[in-house]
Amino acid sequence: MLWTSAISVSEAEDILNRIDFLETWMTDLPGYSWVKEGLAVNFEKESLTEYASHLADGTFERFVDRSSQQFDRALNVG
């Protein structure tokens, strides 16, 4: 045989199941909408405190929407 698979069908299925698990975990994270919008993630303490505050207050999605609009305006003006 000239070509043989590097992994078996069951190994491929296992890999795909793991990818699905990680994708589900990632999309369930509270800050996923921020990343999905393509907004930059700032890991400075001040920014993380602001993110955590919005999460705790239940205003995170509004915060993401407002930040996304500001980001879009900055791109369109520049």
PDB file of N, CA and C in Angstrom:
ATOM      1  N   MET A   1       0.836  -1.170   0.000  1.00  0.00           N
ATOM      2  CA  MET A   1       0.000   0.000   0.000  1.00  0.00           C
ATOM      3  C   MET A   1       0.889   1.244   0.000  1.00  0.00           C
ATOM      4  N   LEU A   2       0.571   2.195  -0.843  1.00  0.00           N
ATOM      5  CA  LEU A   2       1.382   3.402  -0.946  1.00  0.00           C
ATOM      6  C   LEU A   2       1.087   4.422   0.149  1.00  0.00           C
ATOM      7  N   TRP A   3      -0.132   4.386   0.652  1.00  0.00           N
ATOM      8  CA  TRP A   3      -0.518   5.387   1.631  1.00  0.00           C
ATOM      9  C   TRP A   3      -1.267   4.722   2.772  1.00  0.00           C
ATOM     10  N   THR A   4      -0.876   5.067   3.970  1.00  0.00           N
ATOM     11  CA  THR A   4      -1.618   4.590   5.137  1.00  0.00           C
ATOM     12  C   THR A   4      -1.902   5.784   6.039  1.00  0.00           C
ATOM     13  N   SER A   5      -3.023   5.733   6.673  1.00  0.00           N
ATOM     14  CA  SER A   5      -3.438   6.819   7.547  1.00  0.00           C
ATOM     15  C   SER A   5      -2.530   6.892   8.774  1.00  0.00           C
ATOM     16  N   ALA A   6      -2.238   8.107   9.190  1.00  0.00           N
ATOM     17  CA  ALA A   6      -1.400   8.302  10.376  1.00  0.00           C
ATOM     18  C   ALA A   6      -2.166   7.988  11.657  1.00  0.00           C
ATOM     19  N   ILE A   7      -3.485   8.097  11.593  1.00  0.00           N
ATOM     20  CA  ILE A   7      -4.316   7.790  12.758  1.00  0.00           C
ATOM     21  C   ILE A   7      -5.495   6.931  12.326  1.00  0.00           C
ATOM     22  N   SER A   8      -6.036   6.221  13.278  1.00  0.00           N
ATOM     23  CA  SER A   8      -7.187   5.358  12.982  1.00  0.00           C
ATOM     24  C   SER A   8      -8.476   6.185  13.000  1.00  0.00           C
ATOM     25  N   VAL A   9      -9.536   5.591  12.539  1.00  0.00           N
ATOM     26  CA  VAL A   9     -10.841   6.256  12.546  1.00  0.00           C
ATOM     27  C   VAL A   9     -11.251   6.592  13.977  1.00  0.00           C
ATOM     28  N   SER A  10     -11.051   5.672  14.896  1.00  0.00           N
ATOM     29  CA  SER A  10     -11.435   5.938  16.292  1.00  0.00           C
ATOM     30  C   SER A  10     -10.583   7.055  16.897  1.00  0.00           C
ATOM     31  N   GLU A  11      -9.309   7.129  16.532  1.00  0.00           N
ATOM     32  CA  GLU A  11      -8.463   8.223  17.017  1.00  0.00           C
ATOM     33  C   GLU A  11      -8.935   9.559  16.444  1.00  0.00           C
ATOM     34  N   ALA A  12      -9.312   9.562  15.176  1.00  0.00           N
ATOM     35  CA  ALA A  12      -9.826  10.788  14.555  1.00  0.00           C
ATOM     36  C   ALA A  12     -11.119  11.232  15.232  1.00  0.00           C
ATOM     37  N   GLU A  13     -12.002  10.287  15.514  1.00  0.00           N
ATOM     38  CA  GLU A  13     -13.251  10.612  16.203  1.00  0.00           C
ATOM     39  C   GLU A  13     -12.977  11.158  17.595  1.00  0.00           C
ATOM     40  N   ASP A  14     -12.003  10.581  18.286  1.00  0.00           N
ATOM     41  CA  ASP A  14     -11.631  11.059  19.615  1.00  0.00           C
ATOM     42  C   ASP A  14     -11.119  12.498  19.542  1.00  0.00           C
ATOM     43  N   ILE A  15     -10.291  12.790  18.562  1.00  0.00           N
ATOM     44  CA  ILE A  15      -9.758  14.145  18.383  1.00  0.00           C
ATOM     45  C   ILE A  15     -10.893  15.127  18.117  1.00  0.00           C
ATOM     46  N   LEU A  16     -11.813  14.764  17.234  1.00  0.00           N
ATOM     47  CA  LEU A  16     -12.938  15.645  16.917  1.00  0.00           C
ATOM     48  C   LEU A  16     -13.838  15.862  18.128  1.00  0.00           C
ATOM     49  N   ASN A  17     -14.032  14.827  18.929  1.00  0.00           N
ATOM     50  CA  ASN A  17     -14.823  14.973  20.155  1.00  0.00           C
ATOM     51  C   ASN A  17     -14.149  15.921  21.137  1.00  0.00           C
ATOM     52  N   ARG A  18     -12.847  15.837  21.236  1.00  0.00           N
ATOM     53  CA  ARG A  18     -12.106  16.734  22.128  1.00  0.00           C
ATOM     54  C   ARG A  18     -12.198  18.178  21.639  1.00  0.00           C
ATOM     55  N   ILE A  19     -12.100  18.363  20.330  1.00  0.00           N
ATOM     56  CA  ILE A  19     -12.232  19.708  19.760  1.00  0.00           C
ATOM     57  C   ILE A  19     -13.623  20.264  20.055  1.00  0.00           C
ATOM     58  N   ASP A  20     -14.656  19.449  19.869  1.00  0.00           N
ATOM     59  CA  ASP A  20     -16.027  19.882  20.170  1.00  0.00           C
ATOM     60  C   ASP A  20     -16.171  20.268  21.638  1.00  0.00           C
ATOM     61  N   PHE A  21     -15.579  19.459  22.526  1.00  0.00           N
ATOM     62  CA  PHE A  21     -15.640  19.745  23.959  1.00  0.00           C
ATOM     63  C   PHE A  21     -14.985  21.092  24.264  1.00  0.00           C
ATOM     64  N   LEU A  22     -13.790  21.329  23.709  1.00  0.00           N
ATOM     65  CA  LEU A  22     -13.078  22.584  23.956  1.00  0.00           C
ATOM     66  C   LEU A  22     -13.827  23.778  23.373  1.00  0.00           C
ATOM     67  N   GLU A  23     -14.394  23.598  22.186  1.00  0.00           N
ATOM     68  CA  GLU A  23     -15.152  24.683  21.564  1.00  0.00           C
ATOM     69  C   GLU A  23     -16.375  25.048  22.404  1.00  0.00           C
ATOM     70  N   THR A  24     -17.070  24.041  22.902  1.00  0.00           N
ATOM     71  CA  THR A  24     -18.232  24.293  23.756  1.00  0.00           C
ATOM     72  C   THR A  24     -17.810  25.000  25.035  1.00  0.00           C
ATOM     73  N   TRP A  25     -16.730  24.535  25.636  1.00  0.00           N
ATOM     74  CA  TRP A  25     -16.220  25.163  26.861  1.00  0.00           C
ATOM     75  C   TRP A  25     -15.873  26.625  26.593  1.00  0.00           C
ATOM     76  N   MET A  26     -15.170  26.885  25.477  1.00  0.00           N
ATOM     77  CA  MET A  26     -14.724  28.233  25.170  1.00  0.00           C
ATOM     78  C   MET A  26     -15.909  29.171  24.917  1.00  0.00           C
ATOM     79  N   THR A  27     -16.891  28.710  24.152  1.00  0.00           N
ATOM     80  CA  THR A  27     -18.021  29.586  23.835  1.00  0.00           C
ATOM     81  C   THR A  27     -18.918  29.831  25.040  1.00  0.00           C
ATOM     82  N   ASP A  28     -18.807  29.005  26.068  1.00  0.00           N
ATOM     83  CA  ASP A  28     -19.582  29.207  27.294  1.00  0.00           C
ATOM     84  C   ASP A  28     -18.897  30.155  28.278  1.00  0.00           C
ATOM     85  N   LEU A  29     -17.668  30.547  27.995  1.00  0.00           N
ATOM     86  CA  LEU A  29     -16.968  31.465  28.887  1.00  0.00           C
ATOM     87  C   LEU A  29     -17.664  32.821  28.878  1.00  0.00           C
ATOM     88  N   PRO A  30     -17.706  33.501  30.022  1.00  0.00           N
ATOM     89  CA  PRO A  30     -18.411  34.781  30.091  1.00  0.00           C
ATOM     90  C   PRO A  30     -17.857  35.842  29.138  1.00  0.00           C
ATOM     91  N   GLY A  31     -16.583  35.815  28.862  1.00  0.00           N
ATOM     92  CA  GLY A  31     -15.984  36.837  28.007  1.00  0.00           C
ATOM     93  C   GLY A  31     -15.903  36.477  26.541  1.00  0.00           C
ATOM     94  N   TYR A  32     -16.521  35.377  26.147  1.00  0.00           N
ATOM     95  CA  TYR A  32     -16.410  34.930  24.750  1.00  0.00           C
ATOM     96  C   TYR A  32     -16.973  35.960  23.775  1.00  0.00           C
ATOM     97  N   SER A  33     -18.047  36.634  24.148  1.00  0.00           N
ATOM     98  CA  SER A  33     -18.638  37.615  23.233  1.00  0.00           C
ATOM     99  C   SER A  33     -17.648  38.731  22.913  1.00  0.00           C
ATOM    100  N   TRP A  34     -16.790  39.054  23.866  1.00  0.00           N
ATOM    101  CA  TRP A  34     -15.760  40.081  23.653  1.00  0.00           C
ATOM    102  C   TRP A  34     -14.808  39.634  22.544  1.00  0.00           C
ATOM    103  N   VAL A  35     -14.346  38.421  22.643  1.00  0.00           N
ATOM    104  CA  VAL A  35     -13.410  37.874  21.655  1.00  0.00           C
ATOM    105  C   VAL A  35     -14.108  37.695  20.308  1.00  0.00           C
ATOM    106  N   LYS A  36     -15.347  37.235  20.336  1.00  0.00           N
ATOM    107  CA  LYS A  36     -16.113  37.014  19.104  1.00  0.00           C
ATOM    108  C   LYS A  36     -16.289  38.316  18.322  1.00  0.00           C
ATOM    109  N   GLU A  37     -16.402  39.437  19.025  1.00  0.00           N
ATOM    110  CA  GLU A  37     -16.534  40.740  18.374  1.00  0.00           C
ATOM    111  C   GLU A  37     -15.215  41.201  17.755  1.00  0.00           C
ATOM    112  N   GLY A  38     -14.129  40.502  18.071  1.00  0.00           N
ATOM    113  CA  GLY A  38     -12.828  40.881  17.523  1.00  0.00           C
ATOM    114  C   GLY A  38     -12.149  41.990  18.299  1.00  0.00           C
ATOM    115  N   LEU A  39     -12.618  42.217  19.515  1.00  0.00           N
ATOM    116  CA  LEU A  39     -12.036  43.272  20.336  1.00  0.00           C
ATOM    117  C   LEU A  39     -10.729  42.798  20.962  1.00  0.00           C
ATOM    118  N   ALA A  40      -9.808  43.723  21.103  1.00  0.00           N
ATOM    119  CA  ALA A  40      -8.516  43.396  21.707  1.00  0.00           C
ATOM    120  C   ALA A  40      -8.706  43.065  23.183  1.00  0.00           C
ATOM    121  N   VAL A  41      -7.953  42.117  23.658  1.00  0.00           N
ATOM    122  CA  VAL A  41      -8.025  41.728  25.067  1.00  0.00           C
ATOM    123  C   VAL A  41      -6.854  42.367  25.790  1.00  0.00           C
ATOM    124  N   ASN A  42      -7.179  43.167  26.784  1.00  0.00           N
ATOM    125  CA  ASN A  42      -6.173  43.858  27.565  1.00  0.00           C
ATOM    126  C   ASN A  42      -6.078  43.157  28.920  1.00  0.00           C
ATOM    127  N   PHE A  43      -4.902  42.657  29.248  1.00  0.00           N
ATOM    128  CA  PHE A  43      -4.730  41.900  30.482  1.00  0.00           C
ATOM    129  C   PHE A  43      -4.174  42.736  31.630  1.00  0.00           C
ATOM    130  N   GLU A  44      -4.212  44.058  31.480  1.00  0.00           N
ATOM    131  CA  GLU A  44      -3.787  44.910  32.587  1.00  0.00           C
ATOM    132  C   GLU A  44      -4.825  44.827  33.704  1.00  0.00           C
ATOM    133  N   LYS A  45      -4.363  44.972  34.934  1.00  0.00           N
ATOM    134  CA  LYS A  45      -5.239  44.811  36.101  1.00  0.00           C
ATOM    135  C   LYS A  45      -6.468  45.717  36.025  1.00  0.00           C
ATOM    136  N   GLU A  46      -6.273  46.947  35.595  1.00  0.00           N
ATOM    137  CA  GLU A  46      -7.378  47.905  35.502  1.00  0.00           C
ATOM    138  C   GLU A  46      -8.472  47.402  34.555  1.00  0.00           C
ATOM    139  N   SER A  47      -8.069  46.884  33.409  1.00  0.00           N
ATOM    140  CA  SER A  47      -9.037  46.376  32.431  1.00  0.00           C
ATOM    141  C   SER A  47      -9.731  45.125  32.934  1.00  0.00           C
ATOM    142  N   LEU A  48      -8.972  44.221  33.527  1.00  0.00           N
ATOM    143  CA  LEU A  48      -9.571  42.994  34.051  1.00  0.00           C
ATOM    144  C   LEU A  48     -10.561  43.293  35.171  1.00  0.00           C
ATOM    145  N   THR A  49     -10.243  44.293  35.987  1.00  0.00           N
ATOM    146  CA  THR A  49     -11.160  44.703  37.047  1.00  0.00           C
ATOM    147  C   THR A  49     -12.455  45.246  36.450  1.00  0.00           C
ATOM    148  N   GLU A  50     -12.336  46.018  35.369  1.00  0.00           N
ATOM    149  CA  GLU A  50     -13.529  46.554  34.701  1.00  0.00           C
ATOM    150  C   GLU A  50     -14.367  45.426  34.102  1.00  0.00           C
ATOM    151  N   TYR A  51     -13.721  44.469  33.434  1.00  0.00           N
ATOM    152  CA  TYR A  51     -14.443  43.322  32.862  1.00  0.00           C
ATOM    153  C   TYR A  51     -15.187  42.559  33.964  1.00  0.00           C
ATOM    154  N   ALA A  52     -14.467  42.289  35.066  1.00  0.00           N
ATOM    155  CA  ALA A  52     -15.057  41.526  36.176  1.00  0.00           C
ATOM    156  C   ALA A  52     -16.228  42.283  36.796  1.00  0.00           C
ATOM    157  N   SER A  53     -16.104  43.592  36.896  1.00  0.00           N
ATOM    158  CA  SER A  53     -17.176  44.408  37.453  1.00  0.00           C
ATOM    159  C   SER A  53     -18.435  44.320  36.587  1.00  0.00           C
ATOM    160  N   HIS A  54     -18.264  44.396  35.277  1.00  0.00           N
ATOM    161  CA  HIS A  54     -19.413  44.287  34.368  1.00  0.00           C
ATOM    162  C   HIS A  54     -20.023  42.882  34.418  1.00  0.00           C
ATOM    163  N   LEU A  55     -19.180  41.876  34.549  1.00  0.00           N
ATOM    164  CA  LEU A  55     -19.706  40.511  34.678  1.00  0.00           C
ATOM    165  C   LEU A  55     -20.545  40.376  35.944  1.00  0.00           C
ATOM    166  N   ALA A  56     -20.022  40.909  37.044  1.00  0.00           N
ATOM    167  CA  ALA A  56     -20.721  40.808  38.328  1.00  0.00           C
ATOM    168  C   ALA A  56     -22.030  41.596  38.325  1.00  0.00           C
ATOM    169  N   ASP A  57     -22.040  42.732  37.623  1.00  0.00           N
ATOM    170  CA  ASP A  57     -23.230  43.590  37.579  1.00  0.00           C
ATOM    171  C   ASP A  57     -24.262  43.131  36.555  1.00  0.00           C
ATOM    172  N   GLY A  58     -23.874  42.178  35.706  1.00  0.00           N
ATOM    173  CA  GLY A  58     -24.788  41.725  34.656  1.00  0.00           C
ATOM    174  C   GLY A  58     -24.861  42.677  33.475  1.00  0.00           C
ATOM    175  N   THR A  59     -23.862  43.542  33.351  1.00  0.00           N
ATOM    176  CA  THR A  59     -23.853  44.533  32.267  1.00  0.00           C
ATOM    177  C   THR A  59     -22.782  44.237  31.219  1.00  0.00           C
ATOM    178  N   PHE A  60     -22.241  43.028  31.247  1.00  0.00           N
ATOM    179  CA  PHE A  60     -21.113  42.720  30.365  1.00  0.00           C
ATOM    180  C   PHE A  60     -21.490  42.805  28.889  1.00  0.00           C
ATOM    181  N   GLU A  61     -22.656  42.298  28.509  1.00  0.00           N
ATOM    182  CA  GLU A  61     -23.045  42.323  27.090  1.00  0.00           C
ATOM    183  C   GLU A  61     -23.221  43.758  26.595  1.00  0.00           C
ATOM    184  N   ARG A  62     -23.792  44.623  27.424  1.00  0.00           N
ATOM    185  CA  ARG A  62     -23.906  46.042  27.038  1.00  0.00           C
ATOM    186  C   ARG A  62     -22.523  46.666  26.914  1.00  0.00           C
ATOM    187  N   PHE A  63     -21.639  46.301  27.826  1.00  0.00           N
ATOM    188  CA  PHE A  63     -20.261  46.785  27.786  1.00  0.00           C
ATOM    189  C   PHE A  63     -19.575  46.338  26.495  1.00  0.00           C
ATOM    190  N   VAL A  64     -19.786  45.092  26.099  1.00  0.00           N
ATOM    191  CA  VAL A  64     -19.209  44.572  24.855  1.00  0.00           C
ATOM    192  C   VAL A  64     -19.783  45.327  23.659  1.00  0.00           C
ATOM    193  N   ASP A  65     -21.096  45.510  23.638  1.00  0.00           N
ATOM    194  CA  ASP A  65     -21.728  46.236  22.526  1.00  0.00           C
ATOM    195  C   ASP A  65     -21.183  47.654  22.409  1.00  0.00           C
ATOM    196  N   ARG A  66     -21.102  48.353  23.533  1.00  0.00           N
ATOM    197  CA  ARG A  66     -20.593  49.725  23.530  1.00  0.00           C
ATOM    198  C   ARG A  66     -19.132  49.759  23.076  1.00  0.00           C
ATOM    199  N   SER A  67     -18.322  48.849  23.586  1.00  0.00           N
ATOM    200  CA  SER A  67     -16.906  48.798  23.210  1.00  0.00           C
ATOM    201  C   SER A  67     -16.745  48.464  21.735  1.00  0.00           C
ATOM    202  N   SER A  68     -17.584  47.574  21.225  1.00  0.00           N
ATOM    203  CA  SER A  68     -17.531  47.196  19.817  1.00  0.00           C
ATOM    204  C   SER A  68     -17.887  48.382  18.927  1.00  0.00           C
ATOM    205  N   GLN A  69     -18.905  49.139  19.317  1.00  0.00           N
ATOM    206  CA  GLN A  69     -19.292  50.322  18.542  1.00  0.00           C
ATOM    207  C   GLN A  69     -18.181  51.365  18.551  1.00  0.00           C
ATOM    208  N   GLN A  70     -17.551  51.567  19.703  1.00  0.00           N
ATOM    209  CA  GLN A  70     -16.438  52.513  19.795  1.00  0.00           C
ATOM    210  C   GLN A  70     -15.272  52.058  18.923  1.00  0.00           C
ATOM    211  N   PHE A  71     -14.994  50.771  18.935  1.00  0.00           N
ATOM    212  CA  PHE A  71     -13.918  50.210  18.120  1.00  0.00           C
ATOM    213  C   PHE A  71     -14.220  50.412  16.637  1.00  0.00           C
ATOM    214  N   ASP A  72     -15.460  50.133  16.227  1.00  0.00           N
ATOM    215  CA  ASP A  72     -15.854  50.312  14.827  1.00  0.00           C
ATOM    216  C   ASP A  72     -15.742  51.772  14.402  1.00  0.00           C
ATOM    217  N   ARG A  73     -16.191  52.691  15.263  1.00  0.00           N
ATOM    218  CA  ARG A  73     -16.087  54.120  14.938  1.00  0.00           C
ATOM    219  C   ARG A  73     -14.628  54.532  14.778  1.00  0.00           C
ATOM    220  N   ALA A  74     -13.773  54.048  15.668  1.00  0.00           N
ATOM    221  CA  ALA A  74     -12.348  54.388  15.591  1.00  0.00           C
ATOM    222  C   ALA A  74     -11.735  53.870  14.292  1.00  0.00           C
ATOM    223  N   LEU A  75     -12.140  52.691  13.858  1.00  0.00           N
ATOM    224  CA  LEU A  75     -11.630  52.146  12.597  1.00  0.00           C
ATOM    225  C   LEU A  75     -12.122  52.947  11.405  1.00  0.00           C
ATOM    226  N   ASN A  76     -13.386  53.337  11.437  1.00  0.00           N
ATOM    227  CA  ASN A  76     -13.976  54.054  10.309  1.00  0.00           C
ATOM    228  C   ASN A  76     -13.490  55.487  10.199  1.00  0.00           C
ATOM    229  N   VAL A  77     -13.133  56.099  11.325  1.00  0.00           N
ATOM    230  CA  VAL A  77     -12.623  57.468  11.312  1.00  0.00           C
ATOM    231  C   VAL A  77     -11.185  57.488  10.818  1.00  0.00           C
ATOM    232  N   GLY A  78     -10.414  56.481  11.253  1.00  0.00           N
ATOM    233  CA  GLY A  78      -8.987  56.418  10.908  1.00  0.00           C
ATOM    234  C   GLY A  78      -8.822  56.045   9.511  1.00  0.00           C
TER     235      GLY A  78
END
